[in-house]
Amino acid sequence: MVSDRTIGIILMVVSAIVILAYFWLLFIPPSIHIPLLNVTITEFIIRLTVMIGVLGVFGILAWIGYTLATTPPPKPIEEIEKEIEEELKKLETETKKEGEAQTK
């Protein structure tokens, strides 16, 4: 199995490569024109970065909305208090029965 240290080193190396490639494509780009989108590589990188950011933010907002919509509301405090009182009464009756059984 791969150790945490190895995974950490791989993540650092890959991150450094991505950072350098991003810097190179953004500030020292090759003269590549993407005909399908009619943009240069620098414009494409900027658009891609903005799109990833927008997808990330609104993806998280959608997940929060889904969670809020599908999670049932909590019980009212009065109902919880009633349940606790019932459980306490049950425990009291059980302890009384056990106490009576031990004295006999």
C-alpha atoms as a PDB file:
ATOM      1  CA  MET A   1       0.000   0.000   0.000  1.00  0.00           C
ATOM      2  CA  VAL A   2       1.224   3.493  -0.781  1.00  0.00           C
ATOM      3  CA  SER A   3       2.263   5.500   2.256  1.00  0.00           C
ATOM      4  CA  ASP A   4       0.906   8.926   3.170  1.00  0.00           C
ATOM      5  CA  ARG A   5       4.357  10.391   2.638  1.00  0.00           C
ATOM      6  CA  THR A   6       4.468   9.135  -0.958  1.00  0.00           C
ATOM      7  CA  ILE A   7       1.006  10.495  -1.686  1.00  0.00           C
ATOM      8  CA  GLY A   8       2.031  13.836  -0.167  1.00  0.00           C
ATOM      9  CA  ILE A   9       5.136  14.043  -2.332  1.00  0.00           C
ATOM     10  CA  ILE A  10       3.147  13.166  -5.451  1.00  0.00           C
ATOM     11  CA  LEU A  11       0.568  15.844  -4.624  1.00  0.00           C
ATOM     12  CA  MET A  12       3.301  18.454  -4.107  1.00  0.00           C
ATOM     13  CA  VAL A  13       5.032  17.597  -7.400  1.00  0.00           C
ATOM     14  CA  VAL A  14       1.782  17.565  -9.396  1.00  0.00           C
ATOM     15  CA  SER A  15       0.724  20.868  -7.807  1.00  0.00           C
ATOM     16  CA  ALA A  16       4.046  22.484  -8.670  1.00  0.00           C
ATOM     17  CA  ILE A  17       3.771  21.281 -12.280  1.00  0.00           C
ATOM     18  CA  VAL A  18       0.202  22.592 -12.589  1.00  0.00           C
ATOM     19  CA  ILE A  19       1.200  25.952 -11.085  1.00  0.00           C
ATOM     20  CA  LEU A  20       4.128  26.317 -13.493  1.00  0.00           C
ATOM     21  CA  ALA A  21       2.038  25.255 -16.499  1.00  0.00           C
ATOM     22  CA  TYR A  22      -0.735  27.659 -15.519  1.00  0.00           C
ATOM     23  CA  PHE A  23       1.756  30.526 -15.121  1.00  0.00           C
ATOM     24  CA  TRP A  24       3.365  29.684 -18.457  1.00  0.00           C
ATOM     25  CA  LEU A  25       0.045  29.475 -20.322  1.00  0.00           C
ATOM     26  CA  LEU A  26      -1.244  32.674 -18.756  1.00  0.00           C
ATOM     27  CA  PHE A  27       1.788  34.968 -18.944  1.00  0.00           C
ATOM     28  CA  ILE A  28       4.136  33.446 -21.535  1.00  0.00           C
ATOM     29  CA  PRO A  29       1.693  31.664 -23.816  1.00  0.00           C
ATOM     30  CA  PRO A  30       2.559  29.964 -27.051  1.00  0.00           C
ATOM     31  CA  SER A  31       0.867  31.532 -30.052  1.00  0.00           C
ATOM     32  CA  ILE A  32      -1.922  28.986 -30.202  1.00  0.00           C
ATOM     33  CA  HIS A  33      -5.333  30.028 -31.445  1.00  0.00           C
ATOM     34  CA  ILE A  34      -8.328  27.807 -30.679  1.00  0.00           C
ATOM     35  CA  PRO A  35     -10.494  28.152 -33.808  1.00  0.00           C
ATOM     36  CA  LEU A  36     -13.539  26.413 -32.355  1.00  0.00           C
ATOM     37  CA  LEU A  37     -13.901  29.046 -29.609  1.00  0.00           C
ATOM     38  CA  ASN A  38     -12.179  31.848 -31.563  1.00  0.00           C
ATOM     39  CA  VAL A  39      -9.899  32.680 -28.611  1.00  0.00           C
ATOM     40  CA  THR A  40      -6.226  32.547 -27.786  1.00  0.00           C
ATOM     41  CA  ILE A  41      -4.882  30.072 -25.251  1.00  0.00           C
ATOM     42  CA  THR A  42      -4.585  32.830 -22.622  1.00  0.00           C
ATOM     43  CA  GLU A  43      -8.241  33.796 -23.009  1.00  0.00           C
ATOM     44  CA  PHE A  44      -9.203  30.135 -22.838  1.00  0.00           C
ATOM     45  CA  ILE A  45      -7.230  29.612 -19.605  1.00  0.00           C
ATOM     46  CA  ILE A  46      -8.866  32.661 -18.008  1.00  0.00           C
ATOM     47  CA  ARG A  47     -12.329  31.536 -19.094  1.00  0.00           C
ATOM     48  CA  LEU A  48     -11.653  28.007 -17.846  1.00  0.00           C
ATOM     49  CA  THR A  49     -10.471  29.309 -14.465  1.00  0.00           C
ATOM     50  CA  VAL A  50     -13.524  31.523 -14.047  1.00  0.00           C
ATOM     51  CA  MET A  51     -15.836  28.691 -15.093  1.00  0.00           C
ATOM     52  CA  ILE A  52     -14.284  26.283 -12.585  1.00  0.00           C
ATOM     53  CA  GLY A  53     -14.716  28.904  -9.843  1.00  0.00           C
ATOM     54  CA  VAL A  54     -18.354  29.537 -10.752  1.00  0.00           C
ATOM     55  CA  LEU A  55     -19.092  25.806 -10.936  1.00  0.00           C
ATOM     56  CA  GLY A  56     -17.419  25.263  -7.570  1.00  0.00           C
ATOM     57  CA  VAL A  57     -19.304  28.041  -5.773  1.00  0.00           C
ATOM     58  CA  PHE A  58     -22.707  27.263  -7.238  1.00  0.00           C
ATOM     59  CA  GLY A  59     -22.150  23.510  -6.955  1.00  0.00           C
ATOM     60  CA  ILE A  60     -21.630  23.954  -3.216  1.00  0.00           C
ATOM     61  CA  LEU A  61     -24.718  26.203  -3.011  1.00  0.00           C
ATOM     62  CA  ALA A  62     -26.766  23.578  -4.872  1.00  0.00           C
ATOM     63  CA  TRP A  63     -25.542  20.875  -2.489  1.00  0.00           C
ATOM     64  CA  ILE A  64     -26.516  23.025   0.512  1.00  0.00           C
ATOM     65  CA  GLY A  65     -29.936  23.660  -1.043  1.00  0.00           C
ATOM     66  CA  TYR A  66     -30.461  19.958  -1.714  1.00  0.00           C
ATOM     67  CA  THR A  67     -29.478  19.123   1.850  1.00  0.00           C
ATOM     68  CA  LEU A  68     -31.867  21.729   3.248  1.00  0.00           C
ATOM     69  CA  ALA A  69     -34.689  20.541   0.997  1.00  0.00           C
ATOM     70  CA  THR A  70     -34.316  16.824   1.778  1.00  0.00           C
ATOM     71  CA  THR A  71     -33.537  16.934   5.504  1.00  0.00           C
ATOM     72  CA  PRO A  72     -36.649  16.537   7.638  1.00  0.00           C
ATOM     73  CA  PRO A  73     -37.310  19.324  10.134  1.00  0.00           C
ATOM     74  CA  PRO A  74     -36.341  18.662  13.751  1.00  0.00           C
ATOM     75  CA  LYS A  75     -38.966  17.649  16.305  1.00  0.00           C
ATOM     76  CA  PRO A  76     -40.466  20.438  18.389  1.00  0.00           C
ATOM     77  CA  ILE A  77     -38.931  20.785  21.852  1.00  0.00           C
ATOM     78  CA  GLU A  78     -42.282  20.054  23.515  1.00  0.00           C
ATOM     79  CA  GLU A  79     -42.415  16.645  21.825  1.00  0.00           C
ATOM     80  CA  ILE A  80     -38.868  15.836  22.887  1.00  0.00           C
ATOM     81  CA  GLU A  81     -39.655  16.875  26.478  1.00  0.00           C
ATOM     82  CA  LYS A  82     -42.711  14.577  26.511  1.00  0.00           C
ATOM     83  CA  GLU A  83     -40.600  11.655  25.268  1.00  0.00           C
ATOM     84  CA  ILE A  84     -37.995  12.314  27.967  1.00  0.00           C
ATOM     85  CA  GLU A  85     -40.674  12.468  30.671  1.00  0.00           C
ATOM     86  CA  GLU A  86     -42.176   9.171  29.451  1.00  0.00           C
ATOM     87  CA  GLU A  87     -38.758   7.503  29.505  1.00  0.00           C
ATOM     88  CA  LEU A  88     -38.108   8.809  33.035  1.00  0.00           C
ATOM     89  CA  LYS A  89     -41.465   7.445  34.206  1.00  0.00           C
ATOM     90  CA  LYS A  90     -40.647   4.053  32.679  1.00  0.00           C
ATOM     91  CA  LEU A  91     -37.270   4.023  34.418  1.00  0.00           C
ATOM     92  CA  GLU A  92     -38.866   4.972  37.750  1.00  0.00           C
ATOM     93  CA  THR A  93     -41.422   2.174  37.507  1.00  0.00           C
ATOM     94  CA  GLU A  94     -38.726  -0.330  36.526  1.00  0.00           C
ATOM     95  CA  THR A  95     -36.481   0.677  39.423  1.00  0.00           C
ATOM     96  CA  LYS A  96     -39.431   0.439  41.829  1.00  0.00           C
ATOM     97  CA  LYS A  97     -40.236  -3.070  40.564  1.00  0.00           C
ATOM     98  CA  GLU A  98     -36.582  -4.108  40.886  1.00  0.00           C
ATOM     99  CA  GLY A  99     -36.423  -2.640  44.413  1.00  0.00           C
ATOM    100  CA  GLU A 100     -39.548  -4.513  45.457  1.00  0.00           C
ATOM    101  CA  ALA A 101     -38.258  -7.749  43.930  1.00  0.00           C
ATOM    102  CA  GLN A 102     -34.972  -7.436  45.863  1.00  0.00           C
ATOM    103  CA  THR A 103     -36.717  -6.829  49.208  1.00  0.00           C
ATOM    104  CA  LYS A 104     -38.817 -10.007  48.849  1.00  0.00           C
END
